[in-house]
N, C-alpha and C. Protein backbone atom coordinates (compact mmCIF):
# COMPACT_ATOMS: atom_id res chain seq x y z
N MET A 1 39.96 -28.98 13.02
CA MET A 1 40.31 -27.99 12.02
C MET A 1 41.54 -27.23 12.50
N PRO A 2 42.54 -27.06 11.63
CA PRO A 2 43.71 -26.29 12.05
C PRO A 2 43.30 -24.85 12.36
N GLY A 3 43.84 -24.27 13.39
CA GLY A 3 43.54 -22.88 13.76
C GLY A 3 42.20 -22.73 14.43
N GLY A 4 41.55 -23.82 14.79
CA GLY A 4 40.27 -23.74 15.51
C GLY A 4 39.12 -23.25 14.65
N GLY A 5 39.26 -23.26 13.31
CA GLY A 5 38.18 -22.87 12.43
C GLY A 5 38.03 -21.37 12.25
N ARG A 6 39.04 -20.59 12.69
CA ARG A 6 38.93 -19.13 12.57
C ARG A 6 38.82 -18.68 11.12
N SER A 7 39.60 -19.29 10.22
CA SER A 7 39.54 -18.90 8.80
C SER A 7 38.16 -19.19 8.23
N PHE A 8 37.64 -20.35 8.59
CA PHE A 8 36.31 -20.72 8.11
C PHE A 8 35.26 -19.73 8.61
N ARG A 9 35.31 -19.40 9.91
CA ARG A 9 34.35 -18.45 10.47
C ARG A 9 34.49 -17.07 9.82
N ARG A 10 35.71 -16.65 9.55
CA ARG A 10 35.93 -15.35 8.91
C ARG A 10 35.35 -15.34 7.50
N ARG A 11 35.55 -16.42 6.75
CA ARG A 11 35.01 -16.49 5.38
C ARG A 11 33.49 -16.54 5.36
N CYS A 12 32.90 -17.10 6.38
CA CYS A 12 31.44 -17.25 6.43
C CYS A 12 30.77 -16.16 7.25
N GLN A 13 31.53 -15.16 7.68
CA GLN A 13 31.00 -14.14 8.57
C GLN A 13 29.73 -13.48 8.02
N GLY A 14 29.70 -13.18 6.72
CA GLY A 14 28.53 -12.55 6.12
C GLY A 14 27.26 -13.38 6.24
N LEU A 15 27.42 -14.70 6.25
CA LEU A 15 26.26 -15.58 6.35
C LEU A 15 25.60 -15.52 7.73
N TRP A 16 26.36 -15.13 8.74
CA TRP A 16 25.79 -15.06 10.09
C TRP A 16 24.90 -13.84 10.24
N GLN A 17 24.94 -12.93 9.27
CA GLN A 17 24.15 -11.71 9.32
C GLN A 17 22.81 -11.85 8.59
N VAL A 18 22.48 -13.06 8.14
CA VAL A 18 21.25 -13.29 7.38
C VAL A 18 20.04 -12.98 8.26
N TRP A 19 19.04 -12.35 7.64
CA TRP A 19 17.82 -11.98 8.34
C TRP A 19 17.13 -13.24 8.86
N PRO A 20 16.73 -13.30 10.12
CA PRO A 20 16.10 -14.52 10.66
C PRO A 20 14.70 -14.73 10.10
N LEU A 21 14.29 -15.99 10.06
CA LEU A 21 12.93 -16.31 9.64
C LEU A 21 11.95 -15.95 10.75
N ALA A 22 10.79 -15.50 10.36
CA ALA A 22 9.75 -15.20 11.34
C ALA A 22 9.19 -16.51 11.88
N PRO A 23 8.73 -16.52 13.11
CA PRO A 23 8.16 -17.75 13.67
C PRO A 23 6.82 -18.10 13.02
N VAL A 24 6.43 -19.35 13.14
CA VAL A 24 5.12 -19.78 12.65
C VAL A 24 4.08 -19.30 13.67
N VAL A 25 3.01 -18.69 13.19
CA VAL A 25 1.95 -18.17 14.06
C VAL A 25 0.71 -19.03 13.85
N ASP A 26 0.35 -19.82 14.88
CA ASP A 26 -0.83 -20.67 14.74
C ASP A 26 -2.05 -20.11 15.46
N GLU A 27 -1.90 -18.98 16.13
CA GLU A 27 -3.02 -18.31 16.77
C GLU A 27 -3.82 -17.55 15.71
N VAL A 28 -5.14 -17.74 15.69
CA VAL A 28 -5.99 -17.07 14.70
C VAL A 28 -6.33 -15.67 15.21
N HIS A 29 -6.06 -14.67 14.38
CA HIS A 29 -6.36 -13.28 14.72
C HIS A 29 -7.58 -12.82 13.93
N GLU A 30 -8.35 -11.95 14.53
CA GLU A 30 -9.55 -11.43 13.87
C GLU A 30 -9.16 -10.61 12.64
N VAL A 31 -8.20 -9.69 12.80
CA VAL A 31 -7.77 -8.82 11.70
C VAL A 31 -6.25 -8.85 11.61
N VAL A 32 -5.75 -9.00 10.38
CA VAL A 32 -4.31 -8.91 10.12
C VAL A 32 -4.10 -7.84 9.06
N PHE A 33 -3.15 -6.95 9.33
CA PHE A 33 -2.79 -5.89 8.39
C PHE A 33 -1.51 -6.31 7.69
N VAL A 34 -1.48 -6.20 6.36
CA VAL A 34 -0.27 -6.55 5.62
C VAL A 34 0.16 -5.37 4.76
N ASP A 35 1.47 -5.23 4.62
CA ASP A 35 2.01 -4.16 3.79
C ASP A 35 3.42 -4.54 3.39
N ALA A 36 3.97 -3.78 2.46
CA ALA A 36 5.33 -4.01 1.99
C ALA A 36 6.15 -2.75 2.19
N ILE A 37 7.38 -2.94 2.63
CA ILE A 37 8.33 -1.84 2.75
C ILE A 37 9.44 -2.10 1.75
N HIS A 38 9.58 -1.21 0.79
CA HIS A 38 10.60 -1.38 -0.25
C HIS A 38 11.92 -0.80 0.25
N LEU A 39 12.96 -1.63 0.22
CA LEU A 39 14.30 -1.21 0.62
C LEU A 39 15.12 -0.99 -0.65
N GLY A 40 15.08 0.21 -1.16
CA GLY A 40 15.75 0.46 -2.43
C GLY A 40 15.02 -0.24 -3.55
N ARG A 41 15.77 -0.63 -4.57
CA ARG A 41 15.15 -1.27 -5.73
C ARG A 41 15.30 -2.78 -5.75
N LYS A 42 16.10 -3.32 -4.84
CA LYS A 42 16.40 -4.74 -4.94
C LYS A 42 15.87 -5.59 -3.80
N ALA A 43 15.10 -5.00 -2.90
CA ALA A 43 14.57 -5.79 -1.79
C ALA A 43 13.27 -5.17 -1.27
N VAL A 44 12.44 -6.04 -0.75
CA VAL A 44 11.18 -5.62 -0.13
C VAL A 44 10.94 -6.50 1.09
N VAL A 45 10.44 -5.88 2.15
CA VAL A 45 10.08 -6.63 3.35
C VAL A 45 8.56 -6.64 3.42
N LEU A 46 7.98 -7.83 3.35
CA LEU A 46 6.53 -7.99 3.49
C LEU A 46 6.25 -8.21 4.97
N ILE A 47 5.31 -7.47 5.51
CA ILE A 47 5.05 -7.52 6.95
C ILE A 47 3.57 -7.79 7.20
N ALA A 48 3.30 -8.66 8.17
CA ALA A 48 1.94 -8.92 8.63
C ALA A 48 1.89 -8.60 10.12
N GLN A 49 0.86 -7.86 10.51
CA GLN A 49 0.75 -7.51 11.93
C GLN A 49 -0.70 -7.55 12.37
N SER A 50 -0.88 -7.84 13.66
CA SER A 50 -2.21 -7.76 14.26
C SER A 50 -2.37 -6.34 14.80
N ARG A 51 -3.41 -6.10 15.56
CA ARG A 51 -3.57 -4.77 16.15
C ARG A 51 -2.48 -4.48 17.18
N ASP A 52 -1.89 -5.54 17.74
CA ASP A 52 -0.96 -5.37 18.85
C ASP A 52 0.51 -5.57 18.52
N PHE A 53 0.81 -6.50 17.59
CA PHE A 53 2.23 -6.79 17.36
C PHE A 53 2.46 -7.39 15.98
N ILE A 54 3.74 -7.44 15.60
CA ILE A 54 4.14 -8.02 14.32
C ILE A 54 3.98 -9.53 14.38
N LEU A 55 3.31 -10.09 13.38
CA LEU A 55 3.11 -11.54 13.33
C LEU A 55 4.19 -12.23 12.50
N GLY A 56 4.64 -11.56 11.45
CA GLY A 56 5.63 -12.18 10.60
C GLY A 56 6.15 -11.21 9.56
N TRP A 57 7.23 -11.62 8.91
CA TRP A 57 7.84 -10.82 7.86
C TRP A 57 8.50 -11.76 6.87
N TYR A 58 8.71 -11.27 5.69
CA TYR A 58 9.38 -12.05 4.66
C TYR A 58 10.15 -11.09 3.77
N VAL A 59 11.43 -11.37 3.57
CA VAL A 59 12.27 -10.53 2.72
C VAL A 59 12.33 -11.16 1.34
N ALA A 60 12.09 -10.34 0.31
CA ALA A 60 12.08 -10.85 -1.07
C ALA A 60 12.70 -9.81 -2.00
N ARG A 61 12.97 -10.24 -3.21
CA ARG A 61 13.51 -9.31 -4.22
C ARG A 61 12.44 -8.36 -4.73
N SER A 62 11.19 -8.86 -4.79
CA SER A 62 10.10 -8.02 -5.28
C SER A 62 8.79 -8.46 -4.63
N GLU A 63 7.80 -7.59 -4.73
CA GLU A 63 6.48 -7.88 -4.19
C GLU A 63 5.73 -8.70 -5.24
N ASN A 64 5.59 -10.01 -4.99
CA ASN A 64 4.91 -10.89 -5.95
C ASN A 64 4.14 -11.97 -5.19
N SER A 65 3.39 -12.77 -5.92
CA SER A 65 2.52 -13.75 -5.26
C SER A 65 3.31 -14.81 -4.50
N ARG A 66 4.47 -15.22 -5.01
CA ARG A 66 5.26 -16.23 -4.31
C ARG A 66 5.75 -15.71 -2.96
N ALA A 67 6.19 -14.45 -2.94
CA ALA A 67 6.67 -13.86 -1.69
C ALA A 67 5.52 -13.72 -0.69
N TRP A 68 4.37 -13.22 -1.15
CA TRP A 68 3.23 -13.07 -0.25
C TRP A 68 2.80 -14.44 0.29
N GLU A 69 2.80 -15.44 -0.58
CA GLU A 69 2.39 -16.78 -0.14
C GLU A 69 3.35 -17.34 0.90
N ALA A 70 4.65 -17.08 0.72
CA ALA A 70 5.64 -17.55 1.71
C ALA A 70 5.37 -16.92 3.07
N LEU A 71 5.00 -15.65 3.09
CA LEU A 71 4.66 -14.99 4.36
C LEU A 71 3.37 -15.57 4.94
N MET A 72 2.34 -15.68 4.13
CA MET A 72 1.02 -16.11 4.62
C MET A 72 1.01 -17.56 5.09
N ASN A 73 1.84 -18.40 4.48
CA ASN A 73 1.87 -19.81 4.88
C ASN A 73 2.38 -20.00 6.31
N ARG A 74 3.04 -19.01 6.88
CA ARG A 74 3.58 -19.10 8.23
C ARG A 74 2.61 -18.53 9.28
N ILE A 75 1.45 -18.04 8.82
CA ILE A 75 0.50 -17.39 9.72
C ILE A 75 -0.88 -18.03 9.53
N ALA A 76 -1.54 -18.33 10.64
CA ALA A 76 -2.89 -18.90 10.57
C ALA A 76 -3.82 -17.92 9.87
N PRO A 77 -4.71 -18.41 9.01
CA PRO A 77 -5.62 -17.51 8.28
C PRO A 77 -6.50 -16.70 9.23
N PRO A 78 -6.48 -15.37 9.10
CA PRO A 78 -7.32 -14.53 9.94
C PRO A 78 -8.74 -14.46 9.39
N ASP A 79 -9.63 -13.80 10.13
CA ASP A 79 -10.99 -13.58 9.63
C ASP A 79 -10.98 -12.53 8.52
N VAL A 80 -10.20 -11.45 8.72
CA VAL A 80 -10.13 -10.34 7.76
C VAL A 80 -8.68 -9.94 7.59
N VAL A 81 -8.30 -9.62 6.35
CA VAL A 81 -6.97 -9.06 6.10
C VAL A 81 -7.15 -7.69 5.46
N VAL A 82 -6.39 -6.72 5.95
CA VAL A 82 -6.42 -5.36 5.41
C VAL A 82 -5.15 -5.16 4.60
N THR A 83 -5.31 -4.76 3.34
CA THR A 83 -4.18 -4.67 2.42
C THR A 83 -4.30 -3.45 1.53
N ASP A 84 -3.18 -3.08 0.93
CA ASP A 84 -3.20 -1.99 -0.05
C ASP A 84 -3.47 -2.54 -1.45
N GLY A 85 -3.58 -3.86 -1.58
CA GLY A 85 -3.84 -4.45 -2.88
C GLY A 85 -2.59 -4.53 -3.74
N GLY A 86 -1.43 -4.67 -3.10
CA GLY A 86 -0.15 -4.70 -3.81
C GLY A 86 -0.02 -5.89 -4.75
N SER A 87 1.04 -5.86 -5.53
CA SER A 87 1.28 -6.86 -6.57
C SER A 87 1.30 -8.28 -6.02
N GLY A 88 0.49 -9.13 -6.60
CA GLY A 88 0.50 -10.55 -6.28
C GLY A 88 -0.23 -10.95 -5.02
N PHE A 89 -0.72 -9.98 -4.25
CA PHE A 89 -1.33 -10.33 -2.97
C PHE A 89 -2.58 -11.19 -3.15
N GLU A 90 -3.48 -10.78 -4.02
CA GLU A 90 -4.76 -11.49 -4.16
C GLU A 90 -4.56 -12.93 -4.62
N LYS A 91 -3.63 -13.14 -5.54
CA LYS A 91 -3.36 -14.50 -6.01
C LYS A 91 -2.86 -15.37 -4.85
N ALA A 92 -1.96 -14.83 -4.05
CA ALA A 92 -1.43 -15.57 -2.91
C ALA A 92 -2.51 -15.81 -1.86
N ARG A 93 -3.35 -14.81 -1.62
CA ARG A 93 -4.41 -14.96 -0.63
C ARG A 93 -5.37 -16.08 -1.00
N LYS A 94 -5.70 -16.17 -2.28
CA LYS A 94 -6.62 -17.23 -2.72
C LYS A 94 -6.04 -18.61 -2.44
N LYS A 95 -4.71 -18.75 -2.51
CA LYS A 95 -4.08 -20.04 -2.23
C LYS A 95 -3.90 -20.28 -0.73
N ALA A 96 -3.35 -19.29 -0.03
CA ALA A 96 -2.98 -19.49 1.37
C ALA A 96 -4.13 -19.26 2.35
N TRP A 97 -4.94 -18.25 2.10
CA TRP A 97 -6.03 -17.88 3.00
C TRP A 97 -7.34 -17.76 2.21
N PRO A 98 -7.83 -18.83 1.60
CA PRO A 98 -8.98 -18.72 0.69
C PRO A 98 -10.27 -18.23 1.35
N ASN A 99 -10.45 -18.47 2.64
CA ASN A 99 -11.69 -18.08 3.31
C ASN A 99 -11.59 -16.75 4.05
N THR A 100 -10.46 -16.09 3.94
CA THR A 100 -10.26 -14.81 4.62
C THR A 100 -10.86 -13.69 3.79
N ARG A 101 -11.66 -12.84 4.46
CA ARG A 101 -12.23 -11.68 3.77
C ARG A 101 -11.17 -10.60 3.63
N VAL A 102 -11.28 -9.79 2.57
CA VAL A 102 -10.29 -8.76 2.28
C VAL A 102 -10.91 -7.38 2.41
N GLN A 103 -10.19 -6.49 3.05
CA GLN A 103 -10.59 -5.09 3.09
C GLN A 103 -9.42 -4.27 2.59
N ARG A 104 -9.70 -3.38 1.63
CA ARG A 104 -8.65 -2.49 1.14
C ARG A 104 -8.40 -1.40 2.17
N CYS A 105 -7.17 -1.03 2.33
CA CYS A 105 -6.79 0.05 3.23
C CYS A 105 -7.28 1.37 2.64
N THR A 106 -8.10 2.11 3.40
CA THR A 106 -8.67 3.35 2.87
C THR A 106 -7.59 4.40 2.61
N PHE A 107 -6.53 4.37 3.39
CA PHE A 107 -5.44 5.33 3.18
C PHE A 107 -4.81 5.11 1.80
N HIS A 108 -4.57 3.84 1.44
CA HIS A 108 -3.99 3.54 0.12
C HIS A 108 -4.99 3.84 -1.00
N ALA A 109 -6.28 3.60 -0.75
CA ALA A 109 -7.29 3.93 -1.76
C ALA A 109 -7.31 5.44 -2.00
N PHE A 110 -7.22 6.21 -0.92
CA PHE A 110 -7.14 7.67 -1.07
C PHE A 110 -5.87 8.06 -1.83
N GLY A 111 -4.77 7.37 -1.55
CA GLY A 111 -3.51 7.65 -2.26
C GLY A 111 -3.65 7.46 -3.76
N THR A 112 -4.38 6.43 -4.17
CA THR A 112 -4.62 6.19 -5.60
C THR A 112 -5.42 7.34 -6.20
N ILE A 113 -6.44 7.79 -5.48
CA ILE A 113 -7.26 8.92 -5.96
C ILE A 113 -6.42 10.18 -6.04
N LYS A 114 -5.63 10.44 -5.00
CA LYS A 114 -4.81 11.65 -4.96
C LYS A 114 -3.78 11.66 -6.09
N GLN A 115 -3.22 10.49 -6.38
CA GLN A 115 -2.24 10.39 -7.47
C GLN A 115 -2.89 10.75 -8.81
N ALA A 116 -4.13 10.35 -9.00
CA ALA A 116 -4.81 10.62 -10.27
C ALA A 116 -5.29 12.06 -10.37
N THR A 117 -5.70 12.63 -9.25
CA THR A 117 -6.31 13.97 -9.31
C THR A 117 -5.35 15.08 -8.95
N THR A 118 -4.26 14.78 -8.28
CA THR A 118 -3.32 15.72 -7.66
C THR A 118 -4.02 16.40 -6.48
N ILE A 119 -3.28 17.17 -5.71
CA ILE A 119 -3.90 17.83 -4.55
C ILE A 119 -4.54 19.16 -4.92
N ARG A 120 -4.30 19.61 -6.15
CA ARG A 120 -4.94 20.84 -6.64
C ARG A 120 -5.59 20.57 -8.01
N PRO A 121 -6.63 19.74 -8.03
CA PRO A 121 -7.25 19.40 -9.31
C PRO A 121 -7.89 20.61 -9.98
N LYS A 122 -7.86 20.61 -11.30
CA LYS A 122 -8.44 21.72 -12.07
C LYS A 122 -9.80 21.35 -12.66
N LEU A 123 -9.96 20.12 -13.10
CA LEU A 123 -11.22 19.67 -13.69
C LEU A 123 -12.27 19.45 -12.59
N ALA A 124 -13.51 19.75 -12.91
CA ALA A 124 -14.59 19.59 -11.92
C ALA A 124 -14.71 18.13 -11.47
N ALA A 125 -14.59 17.19 -12.40
CA ALA A 125 -14.68 15.77 -12.05
C ALA A 125 -13.56 15.38 -11.09
N SER A 126 -12.37 15.91 -11.34
CA SER A 126 -11.22 15.62 -10.46
C SER A 126 -11.42 16.22 -9.08
N LYS A 127 -11.94 17.45 -9.04
CA LYS A 127 -12.18 18.10 -7.74
C LYS A 127 -13.18 17.29 -6.91
N GLU A 128 -14.24 16.83 -7.56
CA GLU A 128 -15.25 16.05 -6.84
C GLU A 128 -14.68 14.72 -6.35
N LEU A 129 -13.91 14.04 -7.21
CA LEU A 129 -13.34 12.75 -6.82
C LEU A 129 -12.33 12.92 -5.69
N TYR A 130 -11.53 13.97 -5.75
CA TYR A 130 -10.56 14.24 -4.68
C TYR A 130 -11.31 14.49 -3.36
N GLY A 131 -12.39 15.24 -3.42
CA GLY A 131 -13.21 15.47 -2.23
C GLY A 131 -13.77 14.17 -1.67
N LEU A 132 -14.23 13.29 -2.57
CA LEU A 132 -14.72 11.98 -2.13
C LEU A 132 -13.61 11.17 -1.48
N GLY A 133 -12.41 11.26 -2.06
CA GLY A 133 -11.27 10.54 -1.50
C GLY A 133 -10.96 11.00 -0.08
N LYS A 134 -11.02 12.31 0.14
CA LYS A 134 -10.77 12.83 1.49
C LYS A 134 -11.86 12.36 2.47
N GLN A 135 -13.10 12.29 1.99
CA GLN A 135 -14.19 11.80 2.84
C GLN A 135 -13.97 10.33 3.23
N LEU A 136 -13.39 9.57 2.31
CA LEU A 136 -13.15 8.14 2.54
C LEU A 136 -12.28 7.92 3.78
N LEU A 137 -11.36 8.84 4.04
CA LEU A 137 -10.48 8.70 5.20
C LEU A 137 -11.23 8.81 6.53
N HIS A 138 -12.45 9.34 6.50
CA HIS A 138 -13.23 9.53 7.72
C HIS A 138 -14.37 8.52 7.88
N VAL A 139 -14.46 7.55 6.98
CA VAL A 139 -15.49 6.51 7.07
C VAL A 139 -15.12 5.57 8.22
N LYS A 140 -16.05 5.39 9.16
CA LYS A 140 -15.75 4.60 10.36
C LYS A 140 -16.62 3.35 10.52
N ASP A 141 -17.79 3.30 9.87
CA ASP A 141 -18.66 2.15 10.08
C ASP A 141 -19.37 1.79 8.77
N ARG A 142 -20.17 0.73 8.82
CA ARG A 142 -20.85 0.23 7.61
C ARG A 142 -21.83 1.25 7.02
N GLU A 143 -22.54 1.97 7.88
CA GLU A 143 -23.51 2.95 7.39
C GLU A 143 -22.80 4.07 6.63
N GLN A 144 -21.71 4.55 7.19
CA GLN A 144 -20.93 5.59 6.51
C GLN A 144 -20.34 5.05 5.21
N ALA A 145 -19.91 3.79 5.23
CA ALA A 145 -19.35 3.18 4.02
C ALA A 145 -20.42 3.09 2.93
N ALA A 146 -21.62 2.66 3.31
CA ALA A 146 -22.72 2.56 2.33
C ALA A 146 -23.07 3.93 1.77
N SER A 147 -23.09 4.94 2.62
CA SER A 147 -23.37 6.30 2.16
C SER A 147 -22.28 6.80 1.22
N TRP A 148 -21.02 6.51 1.56
CA TRP A 148 -19.90 6.93 0.71
C TRP A 148 -19.99 6.25 -0.66
N ILE A 149 -20.31 4.97 -0.66
CA ILE A 149 -20.42 4.23 -1.93
C ILE A 149 -21.54 4.81 -2.79
N ASP A 150 -22.68 5.13 -2.18
CA ASP A 150 -23.78 5.75 -2.93
C ASP A 150 -23.35 7.07 -3.56
N THR A 151 -22.65 7.89 -2.80
CA THR A 151 -22.16 9.18 -3.31
C THR A 151 -21.17 8.96 -4.44
N TYR A 152 -20.28 7.98 -4.27
CA TYR A 152 -19.30 7.66 -5.32
C TYR A 152 -20.01 7.18 -6.59
N LEU A 153 -21.00 6.30 -6.45
CA LEU A 153 -21.72 5.80 -7.63
C LEU A 153 -22.46 6.93 -8.34
N ASP A 154 -22.97 7.90 -7.58
CA ASP A 154 -23.57 9.09 -8.19
C ASP A 154 -22.53 9.85 -9.01
N TRP A 155 -21.32 9.97 -8.46
CA TRP A 155 -20.22 10.64 -9.18
C TRP A 155 -19.94 9.90 -10.49
N CYS A 156 -19.87 8.58 -10.43
CA CYS A 156 -19.60 7.78 -11.64
C CYS A 156 -20.66 8.02 -12.70
N LYS A 157 -21.92 8.04 -12.29
CA LYS A 157 -23.02 8.24 -13.24
C LYS A 157 -22.97 9.65 -13.83
N ARG A 158 -22.72 10.64 -12.98
CA ARG A 158 -22.68 12.04 -13.41
C ARG A 158 -21.55 12.28 -14.43
N TRP A 159 -20.42 11.63 -14.25
CA TRP A 159 -19.26 11.88 -15.11
C TRP A 159 -19.00 10.74 -16.11
N GLU A 160 -19.97 9.86 -16.30
CA GLU A 160 -19.79 8.70 -17.18
C GLU A 160 -19.39 9.11 -18.60
N GLY A 161 -20.11 10.04 -19.19
CA GLY A 161 -19.80 10.49 -20.55
C GLY A 161 -18.44 11.17 -20.64
N PHE A 162 -18.12 11.97 -19.65
CA PHE A 162 -16.84 12.67 -19.59
C PHE A 162 -15.68 11.67 -19.53
N LEU A 163 -15.83 10.63 -18.70
CA LEU A 163 -14.76 9.64 -18.55
C LEU A 163 -14.66 8.72 -19.77
N ALA A 164 -15.71 8.65 -20.57
CA ALA A 164 -15.70 7.80 -21.76
C ALA A 164 -15.04 8.48 -22.96
N GLN A 165 -14.75 9.77 -22.86
CA GLN A 165 -14.14 10.50 -23.99
C GLN A 165 -12.79 9.89 -24.34
N LYS A 166 -12.55 9.80 -25.67
CA LYS A 166 -11.28 9.24 -26.14
C LYS A 166 -10.60 10.22 -27.08
N THR A 167 -9.28 10.10 -27.14
CA THR A 167 -8.44 10.95 -27.98
C THR A 167 -7.62 10.05 -28.89
N LYS A 168 -7.46 10.47 -30.15
CA LYS A 168 -6.66 9.69 -31.09
C LYS A 168 -5.18 9.98 -30.86
N ARG A 169 -4.40 8.91 -30.74
CA ARG A 169 -2.95 9.04 -30.56
C ARG A 169 -2.28 9.25 -31.91
N ASP A 170 -1.01 9.62 -31.87
CA ASP A 170 -0.22 9.83 -33.09
C ASP A 170 -0.10 8.56 -33.93
N ASP A 171 -0.10 7.40 -33.26
CA ASP A 171 0.04 6.13 -33.99
C ASP A 171 -1.29 5.63 -34.56
N GLY A 172 -2.36 6.41 -34.39
CA GLY A 172 -3.66 6.03 -34.93
C GLY A 172 -4.56 5.33 -33.94
N GLY A 173 -4.01 4.90 -32.81
CA GLY A 173 -4.81 4.23 -31.79
C GLY A 173 -5.58 5.25 -30.95
N TRP A 174 -6.42 4.73 -30.07
CA TRP A 174 -7.25 5.59 -29.22
C TRP A 174 -6.87 5.38 -27.76
N GLN A 175 -7.02 6.43 -26.98
CA GLN A 175 -6.82 6.33 -25.54
C GLN A 175 -7.83 7.22 -24.84
N TYR A 176 -8.09 6.91 -23.57
CA TYR A 176 -9.00 7.76 -22.80
C TYR A 176 -8.40 9.15 -22.65
N THR A 177 -9.20 10.17 -22.88
CA THR A 177 -8.74 11.55 -22.75
C THR A 177 -8.36 11.84 -21.30
N HIS A 178 -9.11 11.31 -20.37
CA HIS A 178 -8.87 11.55 -18.95
C HIS A 178 -8.42 10.23 -18.31
N GLU A 179 -7.32 9.71 -18.83
CA GLU A 179 -6.85 8.37 -18.48
C GLU A 179 -6.58 8.20 -16.98
N ARG A 180 -5.99 9.19 -16.35
CA ARG A 180 -5.69 9.08 -14.92
C ARG A 180 -6.97 8.97 -14.09
N LEU A 181 -7.97 9.75 -14.46
CA LEU A 181 -9.25 9.67 -13.75
C LEU A 181 -9.93 8.32 -13.98
N VAL A 182 -9.82 7.81 -15.19
CA VAL A 182 -10.41 6.49 -15.50
C VAL A 182 -9.72 5.41 -14.67
N ARG A 183 -8.38 5.49 -14.56
CA ARG A 183 -7.64 4.52 -13.74
C ARG A 183 -8.06 4.60 -12.27
N ALA A 184 -8.22 5.82 -11.78
CA ALA A 184 -8.66 5.99 -10.38
C ALA A 184 -10.06 5.41 -10.19
N ARG A 185 -10.96 5.70 -11.12
CA ARG A 185 -12.32 5.15 -11.03
C ARG A 185 -12.28 3.62 -11.03
N ASN A 186 -11.50 3.04 -11.94
CA ASN A 186 -11.42 1.58 -12.02
C ASN A 186 -10.85 0.98 -10.74
N SER A 187 -9.88 1.66 -10.15
CA SER A 187 -9.29 1.19 -8.90
C SER A 187 -10.32 1.20 -7.78
N VAL A 188 -11.08 2.28 -7.68
CA VAL A 188 -12.12 2.36 -6.64
C VAL A 188 -13.21 1.33 -6.92
N ASN A 189 -13.54 1.11 -8.20
CA ASN A 189 -14.55 0.10 -8.54
C ASN A 189 -14.11 -1.28 -8.06
N ARG A 190 -12.81 -1.60 -8.21
CA ARG A 190 -12.31 -2.88 -7.71
C ARG A 190 -12.40 -2.93 -6.18
N LEU A 191 -12.16 -1.80 -5.56
CA LEU A 191 -12.22 -1.71 -4.10
C LEU A 191 -13.62 -2.04 -3.58
N ILE A 192 -14.63 -1.48 -4.21
CA ILE A 192 -16.00 -1.67 -3.71
C ILE A 192 -16.70 -2.85 -4.37
N GLY A 193 -16.08 -3.42 -5.41
CA GLY A 193 -16.68 -4.52 -6.16
C GLY A 193 -16.77 -5.73 -5.36
């Protein structure tokens, strides 16, 4: 090449900055934690880690099942995966890690409750659910989890009629009067379901 390829290297310089692929991990881990870090609006880094170190990462345009599957295919299926339940994860898990048990991250579950109730809830049902959400952060074992679930199911029964209330919209359709609380309840139901 004339000039020793300097022009070619200069034109391709941006390509040398491409994010490297994560290595294939064939060691089976008991627990793998997965999460997504959004870099602005046009990129997301999906990360999988064990208790000790990062196992893999995948850069994608959005958090979806194809991206999660690309990450999971490079890592041996663990016994348990801890996730926030992000977009497309469950679909990818069923394909890539069908026998792996799933545990929702309690911090993210509390975040869903907090988003629905706010940190200063006014309604009694919201105050109780927010209190339950804070208790969830302190659950450490199966017995505490079973006790928390029983308390939560009591909350659902106590506020069932309240959460079923509907309001007529301007267009003639109906919507839940306490829609944010209903969404939070449904999210927790999926968590414990």
